[in-house]
Protein backbone atom coordinates (compact mmCIF):
# COMPACT_ATOMS: atom_id res chain seq x y z
CA UNK A 1 -68.42 116.42 62.10
CA UNK A 2 -65.91 118.65 60.30
CA UNK A 3 -66.86 121.85 58.51
CA UNK A 4 -65.79 122.32 54.88
CA UNK A 5 -63.31 125.08 55.79
CA UNK A 6 -61.66 122.84 58.40
CA UNK A 7 -61.38 120.05 55.81
CA UNK A 8 -59.71 122.49 53.41
CA UNK A 9 -57.27 123.54 56.14
CA UNK A 10 -56.43 119.89 56.83
CA UNK A 11 -55.76 119.31 53.12
CA UNK A 12 -53.38 122.27 53.14
CA UNK A 13 -51.66 120.94 56.25
CA UNK A 14 -51.25 117.56 54.57
CA UNK A 15 -49.22 119.27 51.87
CA UNK A 16 -46.75 120.31 54.61
CA UNK A 17 -47.41 123.98 53.95
CA UNK A 18 -47.93 126.48 56.73
CA UNK A 19 -48.42 130.17 56.08
CA UNK A 20 -49.38 132.59 58.82
CA UNK A 21 -52.34 134.94 58.37
CA UNK A 22 -49.93 137.88 58.12
CA UNK A 23 -48.23 136.31 55.11
CA UNK A 24 -51.32 134.77 53.51
CA UNK A 25 -53.15 138.11 53.57
CA UNK A 26 -50.45 139.46 51.21
CA UNK A 27 -50.79 136.64 48.70
CA UNK A 28 -52.60 137.05 45.42
CA UNK A 29 -53.90 133.52 44.81
CA UNK A 30 -54.10 134.03 41.03
CA UNK A 31 -50.43 135.04 40.91
CA UNK A 32 -49.04 132.31 43.16
CA UNK A 33 -45.88 131.55 41.13
CA UNK A 34 -44.53 135.08 41.56
CA UNK A 35 -45.35 134.99 45.28
CA UNK A 36 -42.72 132.45 46.30
CA UNK A 37 -40.89 133.08 49.52
CA UNK A 38 -37.25 133.97 48.92
CA UNK A 39 -34.28 133.90 51.21
CA UNK A 40 -31.54 136.51 50.86
CA UNK A 41 -28.28 135.96 52.68
CA UNK A 42 -25.87 138.87 52.92
CA UNK A 43 -22.11 138.63 53.46
CA UNK A 44 -19.42 141.31 53.16
CA UNK A 45 -18.77 140.46 49.50
CA UNK A 46 -21.88 138.70 48.16
CA UNK A 47 -25.66 138.56 48.30
CA UNK A 48 -27.13 135.06 47.91
CA UNK A 49 -30.73 134.67 46.75
CA UNK A 50 -32.52 131.32 47.16
CA UNK A 51 -36.08 129.97 47.02
CA UNK A 52 -37.01 129.09 50.58
CA UNK A 53 -37.98 125.47 51.21
CA UNK A 54 -38.61 125.63 54.96
CA UNK A 55 -38.54 128.20 57.78
CA UNK A 56 -39.33 127.38 61.41
CA UNK A 57 -39.22 129.70 64.39
CA UNK A 58 -38.40 127.42 67.32
CA UNK A 59 -38.01 128.32 70.98
CA UNK A 60 -34.19 128.44 70.96
CA UNK A 61 -33.40 128.68 67.25
CA UNK A 62 -34.52 129.40 63.70
CA UNK A 63 -34.42 126.56 61.17
CA UNK A 64 -34.04 127.43 57.47
CA UNK A 65 -33.76 125.05 54.52
CA UNK A 66 -33.18 125.84 50.83
CA UNK A 67 -31.87 124.19 47.68
CA UNK A 68 -28.46 125.22 46.32
CA UNK A 69 -26.23 124.30 43.42
CA UNK A 70 -22.77 122.84 44.03
CA UNK A 71 -21.09 126.14 43.08
CA UNK A 72 -23.44 128.26 45.24
CA UNK A 73 -22.85 125.91 48.17
CA UNK A 74 -19.09 126.33 47.89
CA UNK A 75 -19.35 130.13 47.59
CA UNK A 76 -21.82 130.32 50.49
CA UNK A 77 -19.75 128.18 52.87
CA UNK A 78 -16.69 130.36 52.18
CA UNK A 79 -18.60 133.59 52.94
CA UNK A 80 -19.01 135.23 56.33
CA UNK A 81 -22.78 135.57 56.74
CA UNK A 82 -23.88 138.88 58.26
CA UNK A 83 -27.64 138.98 57.68
CA UNK A 84 -30.47 136.65 56.67
CA UNK A 85 -33.75 138.00 55.25
CA UNK A 86 -37.01 136.32 54.27
CA UNK A 87 -38.85 138.09 51.44
CA UNK A 88 -42.24 137.84 49.79
CA UNK A 89 -41.95 139.64 46.46
CA UNK A 90 -40.07 142.80 47.53
CA UNK A 91 -41.44 142.94 51.08
CA UNK A 92 -39.07 141.91 53.88
CA UNK A 93 -41.03 139.65 56.24
CA UNK A 94 -38.16 138.73 58.53
CA UNK A 95 -34.57 139.92 58.89
CA UNK A 96 -31.90 138.69 61.29
CA UNK A 97 -28.42 140.04 62.00
CA UNK A 98 -26.29 136.90 62.35
CA UNK A 99 -22.91 138.45 63.23
CA UNK A 100 -23.25 137.58 66.94
CA UNK A 101 -25.25 134.37 66.58
CA UNK A 102 -24.13 130.77 66.15
CA UNK A 103 -24.94 129.13 62.79
CA UNK A 104 -24.98 125.34 62.37
CA UNK A 105 -25.19 123.69 58.96
CA UNK A 106 -26.55 120.46 57.58
CA UNK A 107 -26.07 119.45 53.93
CA UNK A 108 -28.11 116.80 52.11
CA UNK A 109 -27.26 115.81 48.52
CA UNK A 110 -30.40 115.80 46.33
CA UNK A 111 -28.81 114.88 43.00
CA UNK A 112 -25.56 115.38 41.05
CA UNK A 113 -25.50 119.19 41.23
CA UNK A 114 -28.17 120.05 43.83
CA UNK A 115 -27.97 120.10 47.61
CA UNK A 116 -30.39 120.96 50.39
CA UNK A 117 -28.68 123.32 52.82
CA UNK A 118 -30.18 123.50 56.30
CA UNK A 119 -29.17 126.28 58.67
CA UNK A 120 -29.90 126.36 62.38
CA UNK A 121 -29.44 129.82 63.88
CA UNK A 122 -29.35 129.91 67.68
CA UNK A 123 -31.30 132.79 69.21
CA UNK A 124 -29.65 135.27 71.54
CA UNK A 125 -30.23 134.62 75.21
CA UNK A 126 -32.09 137.38 77.04
CA UNK A 127 -30.11 138.90 79.90
């Protein structure tokens, strides 16, 4: 028999949403719209700011997905990415220097002017 809290957790999992306790403890449930996770990508010339769709910390890589416009996609792919940061409001939850890491891209067209950009960032190998 399942407890009510476990049923609630399963409902949340069915919505394909996972938030760690560290992140969820910072959320104000009544102000959920302003608590969206944001992705900031820094290059030498530009700072790109996107709403994060997906972030996974895998054994050998990080997987990040976000929606971009056609113009932002073009500007982003022409930029040399130096740093990627995950933010909740103004708090930096995760930051990664990408200058020495390998980035792989996947692009999925959502509609006429919107694309889903997926980035796979390979982790550094420990020596």
